[in-house]
C-alpha atoms as a PDB file:
ATOM      1  CA  MET A   1      13.482  -7.967  -2.268  1.00  0.00           C
ATOM      2  CA  LYS A   2      11.337  -9.233   0.694  1.00  0.00           C
ATOM      3  CA  GLY A   3       9.111  -5.656   1.910  1.00  0.00           C
ATOM      4  CA  LYS A   4       8.754  -2.055   0.417  1.00  0.00           C
ATOM      5  CA  ILE A   5      10.958  -1.357  -1.873  1.00  0.00           C
ATOM      6  CA  SER A   6      13.589   1.942   0.471  1.00  0.00           C
ATOM      7  CA  GLY A   7      17.053   2.938  -1.613  1.00  0.00           C
ATOM      8  CA  ILE A   8      19.182   1.934  -5.106  1.00  0.00           C
ATOM      9  CA  VAL A   9      22.218   0.440  -5.161  1.00  0.00           C
ATOM     10  CA  ILE A  10      24.651   1.217  -7.918  1.00  0.00           C
ATOM     11  CA  ARG A  11      27.229  -0.473  -9.096  1.00  0.00           C
ATOM     12  CA  THR A  12      30.069   2.325 -10.925  1.00  0.00           C
ATOM     13  CA  VAL A  13      33.508   1.777 -11.248  1.00  0.00           C
ATOM     14  CA  PHE A  14      36.277   2.688  -9.708  1.00  0.00           C
ATOM     15  CA  ASN A  15      37.782   6.447  -9.925  1.00  0.00           C
ATOM     16  CA  ASN A  16      41.342   7.183  -8.957  1.00  0.00           C
ATOM     17  CA  GLN A  17      40.153  10.845  -8.385  1.00  0.00           C
ATOM     18  CA  GLY A  18      37.528  10.511  -6.031  1.00  0.00           C
ATOM     19  CA  TRP A  19      34.719  10.890  -8.865  1.00  0.00           C
ATOM     20  CA  ALA A  20      35.229  13.969  -9.765  1.00  0.00           C
ATOM     21  CA  ALA A  21      37.685  13.936 -12.506  1.00  0.00           C
ATOM     22  CA  PRO A  22      39.326  11.696 -14.921  1.00  0.00           C
ATOM     23  CA  CYS A  23      41.781   9.747 -13.110  1.00  0.00           C
ATOM     24  CA  LYS A  24      45.541   9.491 -13.040  1.00  0.00           C
ATOM     25  CA  ASN A  25      47.355   6.448 -14.712  1.00  0.00           C
ATOM     26  CA  PRO A  26      44.586   3.675 -15.313  1.00  0.00           C
ATOM     27  CA  LYS A  27      46.112   1.568 -17.154  1.00  0.00           C
ATOM     28  CA  LYS A  28      48.544   1.177 -13.926  1.00  0.00           C
ATOM     29  CA  ASP A  29      46.258   0.813 -11.448  1.00  0.00           C
ATOM     30  CA  TYR A  30      44.496  -2.748 -10.987  1.00  0.00           C
ATOM     31  CA  ARG A  31      41.592  -0.833  -9.321  1.00  0.00           C
ATOM     32  CA  CYS A  32      40.856   0.040 -12.733  1.00  0.00           C
ATOM     33  CA  TYR A  33      40.353  -2.937 -14.716  1.00  0.00           C
ATOM     34  CA  LYS A  34      37.169  -2.798 -15.834  1.00  0.00           C
ATOM     35  CA  CYS A  35      38.029   0.581 -17.951  1.00  0.00           C
ATOM     36  CA  ALA A  36      41.330  -0.968 -18.956  1.00  0.00           C
ATOM     37  CA  GLU A  37      39.587  -4.020 -20.152  1.00  0.00           C
ATOM     38  CA  GLY A  38      36.811  -1.878 -22.158  1.00  0.00           C
ATOM     39  CA  ASP A  39      33.636  -4.247 -22.953  1.00  0.00           C
ATOM     40  CA  ILE A  40      31.674  -1.278 -20.524  1.00  0.00           C
ATOM     41  CA  VAL A  41      28.598   0.692 -22.910  1.00  0.00           C
ATOM     42  CA  SER A  42      28.265   3.464 -20.679  1.00  0.00           C
ATOM     43  CA  ILE A  43      32.084   4.075 -20.389  1.00  0.00           C
ATOM     44  CA  ASN A  44      33.701   4.990 -23.718  1.00  0.00           C
ATOM     45  CA  GLY A  45      31.325   3.339 -25.906  1.00  0.00           C
ATOM     46  CA  GLY A  46      32.420   0.353 -24.579  1.00  0.00           C
ATOM     47  CA  ASN A  47      36.068   0.419 -25.456  1.00  0.00           C
ATOM     48  CA  PRO A  48      39.676   0.569 -23.828  1.00  0.00           C
ATOM     49  CA  ILE A  49      40.369   3.563 -22.347  1.00  0.00           C
ATOM     50  CA  GLU A  50      43.339   5.608 -23.078  1.00  0.00           C
ATOM     51  CA  GLU A  51      46.212   7.558 -21.345  1.00  0.00           C
ATOM     52  CA  ASN A  52      47.439  11.160 -22.913  1.00  0.00           C
ATOM     53  CA  GLU A  53      50.940  12.239 -22.600  1.00  0.00           C
ATOM     54  CA  LYS A  54      50.466  13.478 -18.731  1.00  0.00           C
ATOM     55  CA  GLY A  55      48.751   9.885 -17.815  1.00  0.00           C
ATOM     56  CA  VAL A  56      45.186  11.349 -17.538  1.00  0.00           C
ATOM     57  CA  CYS A  57      42.076   8.757 -18.647  1.00  0.00           C
ATOM     58  CA  TYR A  58      40.837   9.529 -22.313  1.00  0.00           C
ATOM     59  CA  GLY A  59      37.811   8.574 -23.934  1.00  0.00           C
ATOM     60  CA  ASP A  60      36.210   9.302 -27.532  1.00  0.00           C
ATOM     61  CA  PHE A  61      33.747  11.695 -26.924  1.00  0.00           C
ATOM     62  CA  GLY A  62      31.341  11.210 -30.101  1.00  0.00           C
ATOM     63  CA  SER A  63      30.566   8.168 -27.977  1.00  0.00           C
ATOM     64  CA  VAL A  64      28.727  10.006 -25.326  1.00  0.00           C
ATOM     65  CA  PHE A  65      24.826   9.444 -24.678  1.00  0.00           C
ATOM     66  CA  LEU A  66      24.512  12.771 -24.935  1.00  0.00           C
ATOM     67  CA  PRO A  67      26.717  15.812 -25.594  1.00  0.00           C
ATOM     68  CA  GLU A  68      26.845  17.321 -21.742  1.00  0.00           C
ATOM     69  CA  ASP A  69      28.368  14.316 -21.000  1.00  0.00           C
ATOM     70  CA  SER A  70      31.623  12.990 -20.914  1.00  0.00           C
ATOM     71  CA  TRP A  71      32.576   9.314 -22.241  1.00  0.00           C
ATOM     72  CA  CYS A  72      32.570   8.246 -18.145  1.00  0.00           C
ATOM     73  CA  TRP A  73      30.004   9.266 -15.572  1.00  0.00           C
ATOM     74  CA  GLU A  74      31.380   8.046 -13.210  1.00  0.00           C
ATOM     75  CA  GLN A  75      34.792  11.384 -13.616  1.00  0.00           C
ATOM     76  CA  THR A  76      31.569  13.602 -12.811  1.00  0.00           C
ATOM     77  CA  LEU A  77      29.360  11.495 -10.153  1.00  0.00           C
ATOM     78  CA  CYS A  78      31.322  13.600  -7.501  1.00  0.00           C
ATOM     79  CA  THR A  79      31.170  17.132  -9.336  1.00  0.00           C
ATOM     80  CA  LYS A  80      27.429  17.178 -10.901  1.00  0.00           C
ATOM     81  CA  TYR A  81      25.659  14.518  -9.434  1.00  0.00           C
ATOM     82  CA  TYR A  82      23.697  12.233 -11.799  1.00  0.00           C
ATOM     83  CA  TRP A  83      23.686   8.635 -12.816  1.00  0.00           C
ATOM     84  CA  ARG A  84      21.418   8.213 -16.717  1.00  0.00           C
ATOM     85  CA  ASN A  85      19.333   4.916 -16.885  1.00  0.00           C
ATOM     86  CA  VAL A  86      19.743   3.636 -20.643  1.00  0.00           C
ATOM     87  CA  LYS A  87      17.177  -0.114 -19.543  1.00  0.00           C
ATOM     88  CA  GLY A  88      14.402   2.419 -19.159  1.00  0.00           C
ATOM     89  CA  LYS A  89      12.903   4.189 -16.750  1.00  0.00           C
ATOM     90  CA  TRP A  90      13.583   4.652 -12.517  1.00  0.00           C
ATOM     91  CA  ARG A  91       9.958   2.938 -11.499  1.00  0.00           C
ATOM     92  CA  TYR A  92      10.347   2.602  -8.243  1.00  0.00           C
ATOM     93  CA  ALA A  93      12.890   5.608  -7.485  1.00  0.00           C
ATOM     94  CA  ASN A  94      11.592   8.958  -4.973  1.00  0.00           C
ATOM     95  CA  THR A  95      12.864  11.909  -4.110  1.00  0.00           C
ATOM     96  CA  GLY A  96      14.455  11.733  -0.996  1.00  0.00           C
ATOM     97  CA  MET A  97      15.497   8.109  -1.091  1.00  0.00           C
ATOM     98  CA  PRO A  98      18.702   6.931   0.471  1.00  0.00           C
ATOM     99  CA  VAL A  99      21.500   5.705  -2.713  1.00  0.00           C
ATOM    100  CA  TYR A 100      24.062   3.556  -2.144  1.00  0.00           C
ATOM    101  CA  PHE A 101      27.202   2.973  -4.733  1.00  0.00           C
ATOM    102  CA  VAL A 102      29.467   0.590  -4.714  1.00  0.00           C
ATOM    103  CA  TYR A 103      32.194  -1.037  -7.473  1.00  0.00           C
ATOM    104  CA  PRO A 104      33.693  -3.752  -7.940  1.00  0.00           C
ATOM    105  CA  GLU A 105      36.942  -5.322  -7.382  1.00  0.00           C
ATOM    106  CA  LEU A 106      39.635  -7.705  -9.736  1.00  0.00           C
ATOM    107  CA  ASP A 107      37.838 -10.642  -7.287  1.00  0.00           C
ATOM    108  CA  GLY A 108      34.399 -10.145  -8.468  1.00  0.00           C
ATOM    109  CA  SER A 109      33.895  -8.627  -4.666  1.00  0.00           C
ATOM    110  CA  LEU A 110      32.145  -5.044  -4.459  1.00  0.00           C
ATOM    111  CA  THR A 111      33.049  -2.596  -2.903  1.00  0.00           C
ATOM    112  CA  LEU A 112      30.387  -0.058  -1.076  1.00  0.00           C
ATOM    113  CA  TRP A 113      32.339   3.443  -1.223  1.00  0.00           C
ATOM    114  CA  GLY A 114      29.444   6.049  -0.628  1.00  0.00           C
ATOM    115  CA  GLN A 115      25.917   7.676  -0.288  1.00  0.00           C
ATOM    116  CA  SER A 116      24.158  10.383  -0.760  1.00  0.00           C
ATOM    117  CA  THR A 117      19.887  10.852  -1.375  1.00  0.00           C
ATOM    118  CA  ILE A 118      17.733  11.478  -4.309  1.00  0.00           C
ATOM    119  CA  ASP A 119      17.573  14.800  -4.980  1.00  0.00           C
ATOM    120  CA  ASN A 120      15.172  14.432  -8.027  1.00  0.00           C
ATOM    121  CA  VAL A 121      14.262  11.788 -10.386  1.00  0.00           C
ATOM    122  CA  GLN A 122      13.577  12.742 -14.151  1.00  0.00           C
ATOM    123  CA  ASN A 123      12.188   9.593 -16.351  1.00  0.00           C
ATOM    124  CA  ASP A 124      10.792  11.917 -18.993  1.00  0.00           C
ATOM    125  CA  SER A 125      14.218  12.522 -20.156  1.00  0.00           C
ATOM    126  CA  GLU A 126      15.911  11.168 -23.550  1.00  0.00           C
ATOM    127  CA  TYR A 127      17.735   8.381 -20.651  1.00  0.00           C
ATOM    128  CA  PRO A 128      15.692   8.562 -16.942  1.00  0.00           C
ATOM    129  CA  THR A 129      18.322  10.246 -14.329  1.00  0.00           C
ATOM    130  CA  LEU A 130      18.648  10.285 -10.633  1.00  0.00           C
ATOM    131  CA  TYR A 131      20.242  14.014  -9.922  1.00  0.00           C
ATOM    132  CA  PHE A 132      21.842  12.902  -5.908  1.00  0.00           C
ATOM    133  CA  LYS A 133      22.288  15.928  -3.448  1.00  0.00           C
ATOM    134  CA  PRO A 134      25.951  16.858  -3.111  1.00  0.00           C
ATOM    135  CA  PHE A 135      28.258  14.268  -2.269  1.00  0.00           C
ATOM    136  CA  LYS A 136      31.668  12.760  -1.816  1.00  0.00           C
ATOM    137  CA  PRO A 137      33.309   8.970  -1.904  1.00  0.00           C
ATOM    138  CA  LEU A 138      33.369   7.935   2.655  1.00  0.00           C
ATOM    139  CA  PRO A 139      36.519   7.793   4.148  1.00  0.00           C
ATOM    140  CA  GLU A 140      38.784   4.785   2.770  1.00  0.00           C
ATOM    141  CA  ASN A 141      38.570   3.198   6.238  1.00  0.00           C
ATOM    142  CA  LYS A 142      35.350   3.309   5.747  1.00  0.00           C
ATOM    143  CA  TRP A 143      34.845   1.695   3.089  1.00  0.00           C
ATOM    144  CA  ILE A 144      33.331  -1.615   3.744  1.00  0.00           C
ATOM    145  CA  LYS A 145      35.230  -4.704   1.159  1.00  0.00           C
ATOM    146  CA  GLY A 146      33.793  -8.025   0.511  1.00  0.00           C
ATOM    147  CA  LEU A 147      31.058  -7.785  -0.128  1.00  0.00           C
ATOM    148  CA  ARG A 148      28.683 -10.153  -2.672  1.00  0.00           C
ATOM    149  CA  GLY A 149      25.214  -8.999  -4.092  1.00  0.00           C
ATOM    150  CA  GLU A 150      23.556 -11.660  -1.261  1.00  0.00           C
ATOM    151  CA  ASP A 151      25.183  -9.206   1.216  1.00  0.00           C
ATOM    152  CA  LEU A 152      23.674  -6.213  -0.155  1.00  0.00           C
ATOM    153  CA  THR A 153      19.693  -6.990  -1.208  1.00  0.00           C
ATOM    154  CA  GLY A 154      19.543 -10.803  -0.283  1.00  0.00           C
ATOM    155  CA  SER A 155      20.314 -12.601  -3.993  1.00  0.00           C
ATOM    156  CA  SER A 156      23.573 -12.482  -6.818  1.00  0.00           C
ATOM    157  CA  TRP A 157      24.254  -9.739  -8.365  1.00  0.00           C
ATOM    158  CA  ARG A 158      24.814 -10.937 -11.946  1.00  0.00           C
ATOM    159  CA  GLN A 159      24.079  -7.583 -14.621  1.00  0.00           C
ATOM    160  CA  LEU A 160      22.616  -4.754 -14.578  1.00  0.00           C
ATOM    161  CA  PHE A 161      24.374  -1.294 -13.057  1.00  0.00           C
ATOM    162  CA  TYR A 162      22.015  -1.298 -10.177  1.00  0.00           C
ATOM    163  CA  ARG A 163      19.287  -2.750  -8.022  1.00  0.00           C
ATOM    164  CA  TYR A 164      16.548  -1.362  -5.896  1.00  0.00           C
ATOM    165  CA  LEU A 165      16.601  -2.101  -1.882  1.00  0.00           C
ATOM    166  CA  ASP A 166      13.917  -3.357   0.570  1.00  0.00           C
ATOM    167  CA  GLU A 167      13.232  -1.264   3.507  1.00  0.00           C
ATOM    168  CA  ILE A 168      15.938  -4.330   5.626  1.00  0.00           C
ATOM    169  CA  HIS A 169      18.740  -4.375   3.688  1.00  0.00           C
ATOM    170  CA  GLU A 170      18.431  -1.003   3.306  1.00  0.00           C
ATOM    171  CA  SER A 171      18.226  -0.022   7.412  1.00  0.00           C
ATOM    172  CA  TYR A 172      21.399  -3.478   7.372  1.00  0.00           C
ATOM    173  CA  ILE A 173      23.318  -0.801   5.210  1.00  0.00           C
ATOM    174  CA  ARG A 174      23.017   2.064   6.828  1.00  0.00           C
ATOM    175  CA  HIS A 175      23.486   1.122   9.775  1.00  0.00           C
ATOM    176  CA  SER A 176      26.949  -0.685   9.209  1.00  0.00           C
ATOM    177  CA  ILE A 177      27.550   2.156   7.308  1.00  0.00           C
ATOM    178  CA  SER A 178      27.565   4.464  10.239  1.00  0.00           C
ATOM    179  CA  GLN A 179      29.038   2.210  12.692  1.00  0.00           C
ATOM    180  CA  GLY A 180      32.106   2.445  10.978  1.00  0.00           C
ATOM    181  CA  LYS A 181      32.951  -1.475   9.467  1.00  0.00           C
ATOM    182  CA  LYS A 182      34.950  -1.641   7.976  1.00  0.00           C
ATOM    183  CA  GLN A 183      33.009  -5.595   6.248  1.00  0.00           C
ATOM    184  CA  LEU A 184      29.332  -5.944   6.202  1.00  0.00           C
ATOM    185  CA  GLU A 185      28.523  -9.842   8.136  1.00  0.00           C
ATOM    186  CA  VAL A 186      25.661 -11.737   5.641  1.00  0.00           C
ATOM    187  CA  LEU A 187      22.106 -11.941   6.670  1.00  0.00           C
ATOM    188  CA  LYS A 188      22.161 -15.308   7.706  1.00  0.00           C
ATOM    189  CA  LYS A 189      18.974 -15.877   8.030  1.00  0.00           C
ATOM    190  CA  PRO A 190      16.227 -16.084   5.565  1.00  0.00           C
ATOM    191  CA  LEU A 191      14.733 -12.542   6.101  1.00  0.00           C
ATOM    192  CA  PRO A 192      11.644 -12.232   8.177  1.00  0.00           C
ATOM    193  CA  LEU A 193       7.846 -11.999   5.538  1.00  0.00           C
ATOM    194  CA  GLN A 194       6.395  -9.391   6.687  1.00  0.00           C
ATOM    195  CA  ASP A 195       2.567  -8.933   8.234  1.00  0.00           C
ATOM    196  CA  GLY A 196       0.561 -10.536   6.566  1.00  0.00           C
ATOM    197  CA  PHE A 197       2.522 -11.651   3.836  1.00  0.00           C
ATOM    198  CA  HIS A 198       2.451 -15.516   3.207  1.00  0.00           C
ATOM    199  CA  ALA A 199       4.771 -17.738   1.308  1.00  0.00           C
ATOM    200  CA  LEU A 200       2.683 -19.499  -1.555  1.00  0.00           C
ATOM    201  CA  ASP A 201       4.565 -22.878  -3.098  1.00  0.00           C
ATOM    202  CA  VAL A 202       4.059 -22.321  -6.646  1.00  0.00           C
ATOM    203  CA  SER A 203       5.921 -24.127 -10.332  1.00  0.00           C
ATOM    204  CA  VAL A 204       6.150 -22.404 -13.568  1.00  0.00           C
ATOM    205  CA  ARG A 205       7.433 -24.260 -17.026  1.00  0.00           C
ATOM    206  CA  LYS A 206      11.165 -22.857 -17.850  1.00  0.00           C
ATOM    207  CA  ASP A 207       9.855 -20.773 -20.241  1.00  0.00           C
ATOM    208  CA  ILE A 208       7.651 -18.215 -18.069  1.00  0.00           C
ATOM    209  CA  LYS A 209      10.005 -19.106 -15.363  1.00  0.00           C
ATOM    210  CA  ASP A 210      13.283 -17.557 -17.518  1.00  0.00           C
ATOM    211  CA  LYS A 211      10.840 -14.119 -18.881  1.00  0.00           C
ATOM    212  CA  LEU A 212      10.399 -13.456 -15.189  1.00  0.00           C
ATOM    213  CA  GLU A 213      14.085 -13.453 -14.698  1.00  0.00           C
ATOM    214  CA  LYS A 214      14.329 -11.447 -18.012  1.00  0.00           C
ATOM    215  CA  ILE A 215      11.653  -9.081 -16.942  1.00  0.00           C
ATOM    216  CA  ALA A 216      13.337  -8.799 -13.694  1.00  0.00           C
ATOM    217  CA  TYR A 217      16.686  -8.261 -14.740  1.00  0.00           C
ATOM    218  CA  ASN A 218      15.785  -5.604 -16.870  1.00  0.00           C
ATOM    219  CA  GLU A 219      13.790  -3.570 -13.592  1.00  0.00           C
ATOM    220  CA  GLY A 220      16.449  -4.283 -11.831  1.00  0.00           C
ATOM    221  CA  ARG A 221      13.758  -6.405  -8.919  1.00  0.00           C
ATOM    222  CA  ALA A 222      13.055  -9.670  -8.094  1.00  0.00           C
ATOM    223  CA  VAL A 223      11.475 -11.985  -9.905  1.00  0.00           C
ATOM    224  CA  GLU A 224       8.941 -12.008  -6.623  1.00  0.00           C
ATOM    225  CA  GLU A 225       8.052  -8.811  -6.903  1.00  0.00           C
ATOM    226  CA  ILE A 226       7.396  -9.051 -10.473  1.00  0.00           C
ATOM    227  CA  ILE A 227       4.534 -11.678  -9.765  1.00  0.00           C
ATOM    228  CA  ARG A 228       2.782 -10.306  -6.742  1.00  0.00           C
ATOM    229  CA  GLU A 229       2.382  -7.230  -9.009  1.00  0.00           C
ATOM    230  CA  ALA A 230       0.727  -9.410 -10.922  1.00  0.00           C
ATOM    231  CA  VAL A 231      -0.908 -11.808  -8.766  1.00  0.00           C
ATOM    232  CA  ALA A 232      -2.805  -8.318  -7.741  1.00  0.00           C
ATOM    233  CA  LYS A 233      -3.231  -6.632 -11.058  1.00  0.00           C
ATOM    234  CA  LEU A 234      -5.387 -10.378 -11.761  1.00  0.00           C
ATOM    235  CA  ILE A 235      -6.868 -10.075  -8.548  1.00  0.00           C
ATOM    236  CA  ARG A 236      -7.729  -6.020  -9.385  1.00  0.00           C
ATOM    237  CA  ASP A 237      -9.230  -6.991 -12.830  1.00  0.00           C
ATOM    238  CA  ARG A 238     -11.165  -9.675 -10.923  1.00  0.00           C
ATOM    239  CA  GLY A 239     -13.325  -7.254  -9.283  1.00  0.00           C
ATOM    240  CA  TYR A 240     -11.716  -8.559  -5.928  1.00  0.00           C
END
């Protein structure tokens, strides 16, 4: 991330009822492969979902994080408009911040299917929660397909279900949606440094690098953000 944090992108799983109800015949819908395979912590306790006699998805109600939750947040995302964080606080989320939603395709790419705005941030609850302004999925002909983490944030996206967006990538995504693009062209050129910023070439030991990457992973940020924060604290502590 090269600049000011200006948005969030959240990685959900696919929901064939517009993210507003349990999926129908998910085991026959290849886009629901994540849930059919299981091993997703926030969905059905990590277990594969089942279908009732009508083919409607159902899960273990005892596996939810809070009593008011369904076995997956996707089925209420566009009716109750919230998303929880089981890894910690939303440290850089603010009311009014834009949020974008993507889901993973079978080939590993991402499809951008929705956008909203943060209405409220509750970081003092057991599972810190973002509440969104009411929204519906974008029309499917406006979904942006074939995305990678590099397209959305400038760096690869392996683990964790959300990433913060700098102002350049947030603007890039927003304008692409407004223009009705079905694909998002990769920002091929390196993003420019903010005014007053200068690049430093610094080498660190592998164990330090690993720890920095772990912190960045847990907080959904880039390593360079963590380093800048640490350097700023060091300078303040020295009285400069």
